[in-house]
Amino acid sequence: MTPEEIADSLRRSVEIESGKPLVVFKDPAVSGHGSVRVATPDTAMHVLRYPPSADIQLPYLTAFHCGMLLRSLRAESPQRFDLVSTAAMRTETQQLIQAHLKTSGADVPESLIPNLCSQLGDGLGIQLRSMPIAIRVDHWLWQQYPSLQELQRTNVSRQLQESMQTLGPSVRALVPLRMLNANLAMNCAFAMFWGELWGEPELAVPYTLAGFEAAGRQLLEMVRSIDSHPNGDRQLVEQWASHLNLTAWYRTVTKQ
């Protein structure tokens, strides 16, 4: 199958298994990997938005997001979940960020600090919810659909390059160590996965040199050892949260 045929096939699978259409459209307000709004009992459709710059990558992006949706749909009801933040996350991350900014010298206007706190706290939760499962979906796509690999590699390579920015001084000036360490450990696991799959272990070297080799390897081992069926995804996210010391900030809840 061509990449376009793969994307169409997976899109049909989502629509058949969920009973709702998946609408895909270009959105200049979206960046990166695109985003999906999953249909609820009260909404008529799933919506995939992607940035204009990703036109060429659209077959892969569609396949990837469909893979994520299918894992959720194929989990048994008690194992279908969302990740929510706790009150402690809001309070503690705000305290950490405010204290960190005072010592780092980062020039952040007082009026922008609440938005920064929300951005960093929510972003860490999104990464925790998506990255371990994304590794499983990407591995499945790589194995099952060789004709998609060129687009997949281009997109993932860009992700890996963008993630490297978190090692830079500008990010360290903004992000408290506890939050940054969790982010970098997850980035390390992601880089290790692709480095091993592509035979390019150097992809993870910046993270291992920064001291995240053990943490990244342990996270990646969880991806491989915890039940690979979609029923195991909830446990996987919970185990990552535990290992990263994030259980007080984020918890899984069963989807209604």
C-alpha atoms as a PDB file:
ATOM      1  CA  MET A   1       0.000   0.000   0.000  1.00  0.00           C
ATOM      2  CA  THR A   2       1.036   3.586  -0.562  1.00  0.00           C
ATOM      3  CA  PRO A   3       1.314   5.923   2.444  1.00  0.00           C
ATOM      4  CA  GLU A   4      -1.980   7.509   1.425  1.00  0.00           C
ATOM      5  CA  GLU A   5      -3.680   4.108   1.267  1.00  0.00           C
ATOM      6  CA  ILE A   6      -2.321   3.194   4.697  1.00  0.00           C
ATOM      7  CA  ALA A   7      -3.662   6.427   6.170  1.00  0.00           C
ATOM      8  CA  ASP A   8      -7.070   5.892   4.547  1.00  0.00           C
ATOM      9  CA  SER A   9      -7.239   2.303   5.785  1.00  0.00           C
ATOM     10  CA  LEU A  10      -6.440   3.257   9.376  1.00  0.00           C
ATOM     11  CA  ARG A  11      -8.843   6.167   9.199  1.00  0.00           C
ATOM     12  CA  ARG A  12     -11.627   3.804   8.132  1.00  0.00           C
ATOM     13  CA  SER A  13     -10.733   1.473  11.003  1.00  0.00           C
ATOM     14  CA  VAL A  14     -11.128   4.331  13.480  1.00  0.00           C
ATOM     15  CA  GLU A  15     -14.471   5.291  11.983  1.00  0.00           C
ATOM     16  CA  ILE A  16     -15.779   1.716  11.981  1.00  0.00           C
ATOM     17  CA  GLU A  17     -14.615   0.885  15.499  1.00  0.00           C
ATOM     18  CA  SER A  18     -15.730   4.164  17.040  1.00  0.00           C
ATOM     19  CA  GLY A  19     -18.887   4.645  15.006  1.00  0.00           C
ATOM     20  CA  LYS A  20     -17.912   8.258  14.318  1.00  0.00           C
ATOM     21  CA  PRO A  21     -16.152   9.978  11.396  1.00  0.00           C
ATOM     22  CA  LEU A  22     -12.628  11.364  11.574  1.00  0.00           C
ATOM     23  CA  VAL A  23     -12.339  14.790   9.982  1.00  0.00           C
ATOM     24  CA  VAL A  24      -8.871  15.975   8.938  1.00  0.00           C
ATOM     25  CA  PHE A  25      -8.106  19.581   8.158  1.00  0.00           C
ATOM     26  CA  LYS A  26      -5.251  22.057   7.939  1.00  0.00           C
ATOM     27  CA  ASP A  27      -5.011  24.583  10.767  1.00  0.00           C
ATOM     28  CA  PRO A  28      -2.388  27.382  10.812  1.00  0.00           C
ATOM     29  CA  ALA A  29      -2.803  27.617  14.598  1.00  0.00           C
ATOM     30  CA  VAL A  30      -1.483  24.072  15.070  1.00  0.00           C
ATOM     31  CA  SER A  31       2.192  23.170  15.089  1.00  0.00           C
ATOM     32  CA  GLY A  32       4.418  20.117  15.266  1.00  0.00           C
ATOM     33  CA  HIS A  33       2.807  16.699  15.208  1.00  0.00           C
ATOM     34  CA  GLY A  34      -0.735  17.999  14.859  1.00  0.00           C
ATOM     35  CA  SER A  35      -3.494  17.399  17.372  1.00  0.00           C
ATOM     36  CA  VAL A  36      -6.591  15.259  17.726  1.00  0.00           C
ATOM     37  CA  ARG A  37      -9.831  16.046  19.488  1.00  0.00           C
ATOM     38  CA  VAL A  38     -11.391  12.702  20.282  1.00  0.00           C
ATOM     39  CA  ALA A  39     -15.150  12.429  19.893  1.00  0.00           C
ATOM     40  CA  THR A  40     -17.166  12.165  23.088  1.00  0.00           C
ATOM     41  CA  PRO A  41     -20.686  10.782  23.485  1.00  0.00           C
ATOM     42  CA  ASP A  42     -21.896  14.357  22.969  1.00  0.00           C
ATOM     43  CA  THR A  43     -19.823  15.208  19.881  1.00  0.00           C
ATOM     44  CA  ALA A  44     -20.319  13.950  16.360  1.00  0.00           C
ATOM     45  CA  MET A  45     -16.773  13.384  15.131  1.00  0.00           C
ATOM     46  CA  HIS A  46     -13.066  13.046  15.819  1.00  0.00           C
ATOM     47  CA  VAL A  47     -11.066  16.027  14.552  1.00  0.00           C
ATOM     48  CA  LEU A  48      -7.435  15.873  13.408  1.00  0.00           C
ATOM     49  CA  ARG A  49      -5.755  19.229  12.861  1.00  0.00           C
ATOM     50  CA  TYR A  50      -2.339  19.533  11.267  1.00  0.00           C
ATOM     51  CA  PRO A  51      -0.072  22.489  10.417  1.00  0.00           C
ATOM     52  CA  PRO A  52       0.228  23.739   6.818  1.00  0.00           C
ATOM     53  CA  SER A  53       3.930  22.876   6.870  1.00  0.00           C
ATOM     54  CA  ALA A  54       3.047  19.192   7.296  1.00  0.00           C
ATOM     55  CA  ASP A  55       1.196  18.628   4.008  1.00  0.00           C
ATOM     56  CA  ILE A  56       3.806  16.146   2.780  1.00  0.00           C
ATOM     57  CA  GLN A  57       3.824  14.366   6.154  1.00  0.00           C
ATOM     58  CA  LEU A  58       0.030  14.071   6.340  1.00  0.00           C
ATOM     59  CA  PRO A  59      -0.206  10.331   5.540  1.00  0.00           C
ATOM     60  CA  TYR A  60       2.159   9.525   8.401  1.00  0.00           C
ATOM     61  CA  LEU A  61       0.523  11.984  10.815  1.00  0.00           C
ATOM     62  CA  THR A  62      -2.899  10.538  10.015  1.00  0.00           C
ATOM     63  CA  ALA A  63      -1.635   6.976  10.456  1.00  0.00           C
ATOM     64  CA  PHE A  64       0.051   7.862  13.751  1.00  0.00           C
ATOM     65  CA  HIS A  65      -2.961   9.587  15.278  1.00  0.00           C
ATOM     66  CA  CYS A  66      -5.242   6.801  14.052  1.00  0.00           C
ATOM     67  CA  GLY A  67      -2.906   4.305  15.713  1.00  0.00           C
ATOM     68  CA  MET A  68      -3.197   6.220  18.987  1.00  0.00           C
ATOM     69  CA  LEU A  69      -6.989   6.304  18.677  1.00  0.00           C
ATOM     70  CA  LEU A  70      -7.206   2.609  17.843  1.00  0.00           C
ATOM     71  CA  ARG A  71      -5.212   1.638  20.932  1.00  0.00           C
ATOM     72  CA  SER A  72      -7.699   3.522  23.083  1.00  0.00           C
ATOM     73  CA  LEU A  73     -10.683   2.020  21.258  1.00  0.00           C
ATOM     74  CA  ARG A  74      -9.310  -1.524  21.531  1.00  0.00           C
ATOM     75  CA  ALA A  75      -8.682  -1.363  25.268  1.00  0.00           C
ATOM     76  CA  GLU A  76     -11.364  -2.857  27.476  1.00  0.00           C
ATOM     77  CA  SER A  77     -13.616  -0.226  29.042  1.00  0.00           C
ATOM     78  CA  PRO A  78     -11.976  -0.229  32.512  1.00  0.00           C
ATOM     79  CA  GLN A  79      -8.579   0.370  30.867  1.00  0.00           C
ATOM     80  CA  ARG A  80      -9.648   3.310  28.702  1.00  0.00           C
ATOM     81  CA  PHE A  81      -8.349   6.360  30.465  1.00  0.00           C
ATOM     82  CA  ASP A  82      -7.562  10.024  30.535  1.00  0.00           C
ATOM     83  CA  LEU A  83      -4.728  11.655  32.446  1.00  0.00           C
ATOM     84  CA  VAL A  84      -5.747  14.546  34.677  1.00  0.00           C
ATOM     85  CA  SER A  85      -3.705  16.954  36.737  1.00  0.00           C
ATOM     86  CA  THR A  86      -4.204  17.310  40.468  1.00  0.00           C
ATOM     87  CA  ALA A  87      -4.599  20.440  42.557  1.00  0.00           C
ATOM     88  CA  ALA A  88      -1.111  19.750  43.879  1.00  0.00           C
ATOM     89  CA  MET A  89       0.301  20.024  40.359  1.00  0.00           C
ATOM     90  CA  ARG A  90      -1.066  23.540  39.951  1.00  0.00           C
ATOM     91  CA  THR A  91       0.094  24.688  43.358  1.00  0.00           C
ATOM     92  CA  GLU A  92       3.498  23.020  43.431  1.00  0.00           C
ATOM     93  CA  THR A  93       4.543  23.777  39.867  1.00  0.00           C
ATOM     94  CA  GLN A  94       3.661  27.430  40.341  1.00  0.00           C
ATOM     95  CA  GLN A  95       5.749  27.559  43.520  1.00  0.00           C
ATOM     96  CA  LEU A  96       8.646  25.765  41.841  1.00  0.00           C
ATOM     97  CA  ILE A  97       8.578  27.979  38.767  1.00  0.00           C
ATOM     98  CA  GLN A  98       8.347  31.228  40.711  1.00  0.00           C
ATOM     99  CA  ALA A  99      11.236  30.210  42.979  1.00  0.00           C
ATOM    100  CA  HIS A 100      13.297  29.021  40.008  1.00  0.00           C
ATOM    101  CA  LEU A 101      12.818  32.242  38.043  1.00  0.00           C
ATOM    102  CA  LYS A 102      14.085  34.274  40.985  1.00  0.00           C
ATOM    103  CA  THR A 103      17.375  32.390  41.016  1.00  0.00           C
ATOM    104  CA  SER A 104      17.874  31.721  37.288  1.00  0.00           C
ATOM    105  CA  GLY A 105      17.747  35.318  36.161  1.00  0.00           C
ATOM    106  CA  ALA A 106      15.286  34.549  33.358  1.00  0.00           C
ATOM    107  CA  ASP A 107      13.579  37.716  32.159  1.00  0.00           C
ATOM    108  CA  VAL A 108       9.911  36.755  32.446  1.00  0.00           C
ATOM    109  CA  PRO A 109       7.393  39.551  33.135  1.00  0.00           C
ATOM    110  CA  GLU A 110       5.302  38.928  36.234  1.00  0.00           C
ATOM    111  CA  SER A 111       2.122  39.058  34.162  1.00  0.00           C
ATOM    112  CA  LEU A 112       3.264  36.100  32.033  1.00  0.00           C
ATOM    113  CA  ILE A 113       4.189  33.763  34.875  1.00  0.00           C
ATOM    114  CA  PRO A 114       0.675  32.242  35.282  1.00  0.00           C
ATOM    115  CA  ASN A 115       0.623  31.349  31.579  1.00  0.00           C
ATOM    116  CA  LEU A 116       4.118  29.888  31.823  1.00  0.00           C
ATOM    117  CA  CYS A 117       3.064  27.745  34.787  1.00  0.00           C
ATOM    118  CA  SER A 118       0.052  26.406  32.887  1.00  0.00           C
ATOM    119  CA  GLN A 119       2.098  25.789  29.747  1.00  0.00           C
ATOM    120  CA  LEU A 120       4.838  23.868  31.548  1.00  0.00           C
ATOM    121  CA  GLY A 121       2.529  21.899  33.833  1.00  0.00           C
ATOM    122  CA  ASP A 122       0.072  20.932  31.108  1.00  0.00           C
ATOM    123  CA  GLY A 123       2.868  20.200  28.650  1.00  0.00           C
ATOM    124  CA  LEU A 124       4.547  17.773  31.021  1.00  0.00           C
ATOM    125  CA  GLY A 125       1.240  15.963  31.505  1.00  0.00           C
ATOM    126  CA  ILE A 126       0.675  15.709  27.755  1.00  0.00           C
ATOM    127  CA  GLN A 127       4.160  14.283  27.306  1.00  0.00           C
ATOM    128  CA  LEU A 128       3.579  11.732  30.083  1.00  0.00           C
ATOM    129  CA  ARG A 129       0.214  10.692  28.614  1.00  0.00           C
ATOM    130  CA  SER A 130       1.370  10.396  25.030  1.00  0.00           C
ATOM    131  CA  MET A 131       5.053   9.509  24.760  1.00  0.00           C
ATOM    132  CA  PRO A 132       5.121   5.929  26.115  1.00  0.00           C
ATOM    133  CA  ILE A 133       2.143   4.968  23.960  1.00  0.00           C
ATOM    134  CA  ALA A 134       3.519   6.872  20.968  1.00  0.00           C
ATOM    135  CA  ILE A 135       6.625   4.681  21.103  1.00  0.00           C
ATOM    136  CA  ARG A 136       4.393   1.612  20.847  1.00  0.00           C
ATOM    137  CA  VAL A 137       2.361   3.057  17.990  1.00  0.00           C
ATOM    138  CA  ASP A 138       5.431   4.184  16.053  1.00  0.00           C
ATOM    139  CA  HIS A 139       7.079   0.784  16.493  1.00  0.00           C
ATOM    140  CA  TRP A 140       3.934  -0.908  15.171  1.00  0.00           C
ATOM    141  CA  LEU A 141       3.752   1.429  12.169  1.00  0.00           C
ATOM    142  CA  TRP A 142       7.448   0.892  11.399  1.00  0.00           C
ATOM    143  CA  GLN A 143       7.049  -2.891  11.439  1.00  0.00           C
ATOM    144  CA  GLN A 144       3.694  -3.171   9.696  1.00  0.00           C
ATOM    145  CA  TYR A 145       3.919  -0.476   7.012  1.00  0.00           C
ATOM    146  CA  PRO A 146       7.372  -0.258   5.382  1.00  0.00           C
ATOM    147  CA  SER A 147       6.143   2.123   2.691  1.00  0.00           C
ATOM    148  CA  LEU A 148       5.394   4.660   5.430  1.00  0.00           C
ATOM    149  CA  GLN A 149       8.918   4.563   6.845  1.00  0.00           C
ATOM    150  CA  GLU A 150      10.401   7.411   4.812  1.00  0.00           C
ATOM    151  CA  LEU A 151       7.731   9.874   5.959  1.00  0.00           C
ATOM    152  CA  GLN A 152       7.904   8.483   9.471  1.00  0.00           C
ATOM    153  CA  ARG A 153      11.653   8.905   9.640  1.00  0.00           C
ATOM    154  CA  THR A 154      11.492  12.489   8.382  1.00  0.00           C
ATOM    155  CA  ASN A 155       8.884  13.427  10.966  1.00  0.00           C
ATOM    156  CA  VAL A 156      10.558  11.646  13.872  1.00  0.00           C
ATOM    157  CA  SER A 157      13.953  13.110  12.988  1.00  0.00           C
ATOM    158  CA  ARG A 158      12.430  16.568  13.253  1.00  0.00           C
ATOM    159  CA  GLN A 159      10.906  15.660  16.619  1.00  0.00           C
ATOM    160  CA  LEU A 160      14.256  14.439  17.886  1.00  0.00           C
ATOM    161  CA  GLN A 161      15.958  17.628  16.745  1.00  0.00           C
ATOM    162  CA  GLU A 162      13.326  19.839  18.376  1.00  0.00           C
ATOM    163  CA  SER A 163      13.530  17.877  21.631  1.00  0.00           C
ATOM    164  CA  MET A 164      17.249  18.618  21.842  1.00  0.00           C
ATOM    165  CA  GLN A 165      16.389  22.225  22.637  1.00  0.00           C
ATOM    166  CA  THR A 166      15.380  21.131  26.144  1.00  0.00           C
ATOM    167  CA  LEU A 167      19.074  20.574  26.889  1.00  0.00           C
ATOM    168  CA  GLY A 168      19.906  24.211  26.203  1.00  0.00           C
ATOM    169  CA  PRO A 169      20.506  27.003  28.715  1.00  0.00           C
ATOM    170  CA  SER A 170      17.409  29.000  27.748  1.00  0.00           C
ATOM    171  CA  VAL A 171      15.142  26.114  28.758  1.00  0.00           C
ATOM    172  CA  ARG A 172      17.100  25.471  31.940  1.00  0.00           C
ATOM    173  CA  ALA A 173      16.578  29.108  32.878  1.00  0.00           C
ATOM    174  CA  LEU A 174      12.797  28.728  32.632  1.00  0.00           C
ATOM    175  CA  VAL A 175      12.066  25.198  33.857  1.00  0.00           C
ATOM    176  CA  PRO A 176      12.604  23.981  37.436  1.00  0.00           C
ATOM    177  CA  LEU A 177      14.884  20.979  37.805  1.00  0.00           C
ATOM    178  CA  ARG A 178      12.178  18.535  38.888  1.00  0.00           C
ATOM    179  CA  MET A 179      10.101  19.253  35.800  1.00  0.00           C
ATOM    180  CA  LEU A 180      13.079  19.441  33.460  1.00  0.00           C
ATOM    181  CA  ASN A 181      14.515  16.140  34.660  1.00  0.00           C
ATOM    182  CA  ALA A 182      11.211  14.366  33.992  1.00  0.00           C
ATOM    183  CA  ASN A 183      11.047  15.858  30.506  1.00  0.00           C
ATOM    184  CA  LEU A 184      14.645  14.941  29.693  1.00  0.00           C
ATOM    185  CA  ALA A 185      14.274  11.372  30.967  1.00  0.00           C
ATOM    186  CA  MET A 186      11.291  10.877  28.641  1.00  0.00           C
ATOM    187  CA  ASN A 187      13.156  12.497  25.752  1.00  0.00           C
ATOM    188  CA  CYS A 188      16.075  10.161  26.426  1.00  0.00           C
ATOM    189  CA  ALA A 189      13.828   7.081  26.280  1.00  0.00           C
ATOM    190  CA  PHE A 190      12.368   8.312  22.981  1.00  0.00           C
ATOM    191  CA  ALA A 191      15.825   8.947  21.499  1.00  0.00           C
ATOM    192  CA  MET A 192      17.098   5.569  22.732  1.00  0.00           C
ATOM    193  CA  PHE A 193      14.162   3.793  21.113  1.00  0.00           C
ATOM    194  CA  TRP A 194      14.811   5.319  17.701  1.00  0.00           C
ATOM    195  CA  GLY A 195      18.558   5.008  18.057  1.00  0.00           C
ATOM    196  CA  GLU A 196      18.214   1.274  18.609  1.00  0.00           C
ATOM    197  CA  LEU A 197      15.619   0.807  15.862  1.00  0.00           C
ATOM    198  CA  TRP A 198      17.670   2.711  13.288  1.00  0.00           C
ATOM    199  CA  GLY A 199      21.053   1.462  14.466  1.00  0.00           C
ATOM    200  CA  GLU A 200      22.030   5.019  15.394  1.00  0.00           C
ATOM    201  CA  PRO A 201      22.759   4.959  19.152  1.00  0.00           C
ATOM    202  CA  GLU A 202      24.344   8.394  18.885  1.00  0.00           C
ATOM    203  CA  LEU A 203      20.825   9.875  18.841  1.00  0.00           C
ATOM    204  CA  ALA A 204      20.653   9.427  22.616  1.00  0.00           C
ATOM    205  CA  VAL A 205      24.212  10.540  23.395  1.00  0.00           C
ATOM    206  CA  PRO A 206      23.313  14.154  24.314  1.00  0.00           C
ATOM    207  CA  TYR A 207      20.937  12.814  26.972  1.00  0.00           C
ATOM    208  CA  THR A 208      23.273  10.129  28.261  1.00  0.00           C
ATOM    209  CA  LEU A 209      26.079  12.678  28.581  1.00  0.00           C
ATOM    210  CA  ALA A 210      23.677  14.856  30.573  1.00  0.00           C
ATOM    211  CA  GLY A 211      23.130  11.996  33.024  1.00  0.00           C
ATOM    212  CA  PHE A 212      19.831  10.520  31.832  1.00  0.00           C
ATOM    213  CA  GLU A 213      20.974   7.151  30.491  1.00  0.00           C
ATOM    214  CA  ALA A 214      19.723   5.074  33.432  1.00  0.00           C
ATOM    215  CA  ALA A 215      16.371   6.857  33.631  1.00  0.00           C
ATOM    216  CA  GLY A 216      15.797   6.673  29.882  1.00  0.00           C
ATOM    217  CA  ARG A 217      16.699   2.994  29.735  1.00  0.00           C
ATOM    218  CA  GLN A 218      14.372   2.152  32.620  1.00  0.00           C
ATOM    219  CA  LEU A 219      11.473   3.973  30.975  1.00  0.00           C
ATOM    220  CA  LEU A 220      12.113   2.211  27.672  1.00  0.00           C
ATOM    221  CA  GLU A 221      12.266  -1.159  29.430  1.00  0.00           C
ATOM    222  CA  MET A 222       8.789  -0.491  30.832  1.00  0.00           C
ATOM    223  CA  VAL A 223       7.480   0.058  27.300  1.00  0.00           C
ATOM    224  CA  ARG A 224       8.826  -3.375  26.373  1.00  0.00           C
ATOM    225  CA  SER A 225       7.987  -5.327  29.520  1.00  0.00           C
ATOM    226  CA  ILE A 226       4.496  -4.099  30.439  1.00  0.00           C
ATOM    227  CA  ASP A 227       1.587  -5.774  28.609  1.00  0.00           C
ATOM    228  CA  SER A 228       1.834  -4.615  24.987  1.00  0.00           C
ATOM    229  CA  HIS A 229      -1.925  -5.003  24.417  1.00  0.00           C
ATOM    230  CA  PRO A 230      -3.829  -1.700  24.595  1.00  0.00           C
ATOM    231  CA  ASN A 231      -5.087  -2.884  27.989  1.00  0.00           C
ATOM    232  CA  GLY A 232      -1.550  -2.348  29.272  1.00  0.00           C
ATOM    233  CA  ASP A 233      -1.262   1.302  28.239  1.00  0.00           C
ATOM    234  CA  ARG A 234      -2.829   2.649  31.417  1.00  0.00           C
ATOM    235  CA  GLN A 235      -0.392   0.712  33.594  1.00  0.00           C
ATOM    236  CA  LEU A 236       2.473   1.885  31.384  1.00  0.00           C
ATOM    237  CA  VAL A 237       1.615   5.559  31.869  1.00  0.00           C
ATOM    238  CA  GLU A 238       1.153   5.029  35.608  1.00  0.00           C
ATOM    239  CA  GLN A 239       4.533   3.320  35.876  1.00  0.00           C
ATOM    240  CA  TRP A 240       6.242   6.131  33.990  1.00  0.00           C
ATOM    241  CA  ALA A 241       4.585   8.631  36.338  1.00  0.00           C
ATOM    242  CA  SER A 242       5.787   6.684  39.363  1.00  0.00           C
ATOM    243  CA  HIS A 243       9.336   6.392  38.056  1.00  0.00           C
ATOM    244  CA  LEU A 244       9.444  10.109  37.259  1.00  0.00           C
ATOM    245  CA  ASN A 245       8.043  11.124  40.658  1.00  0.00           C
ATOM    246  CA  LEU A 246       4.949  12.626  39.049  1.00  0.00           C
ATOM    247  CA  THR A 247       2.152  10.647  40.725  1.00  0.00           C
ATOM    248  CA  ALA A 248       1.266  13.555  43.018  1.00  0.00           C
ATOM    249  CA  TRP A 249       0.710  15.766  39.981  1.00  0.00           C
ATOM    250  CA  TYR A 250      -1.060  13.510  37.484  1.00  0.00           C
ATOM    251  CA  ARG A 251      -3.418  10.546  37.786  1.00  0.00           C
ATOM    252  CA  THR A 252      -5.307   8.337  35.390  1.00  0.00           C
ATOM    253  CA  VAL A 253      -9.105   8.291  35.436  1.00  0.00           C
ATOM    254  CA  THR A 254     -11.383   5.850  33.644  1.00  0.00           C
ATOM    255  CA  LYS A 255     -13.067   7.311  30.579  1.00  0.00           C
ATOM    256  CA  GLN A 256     -16.810   7.640  30.922  1.00  0.00           C
END
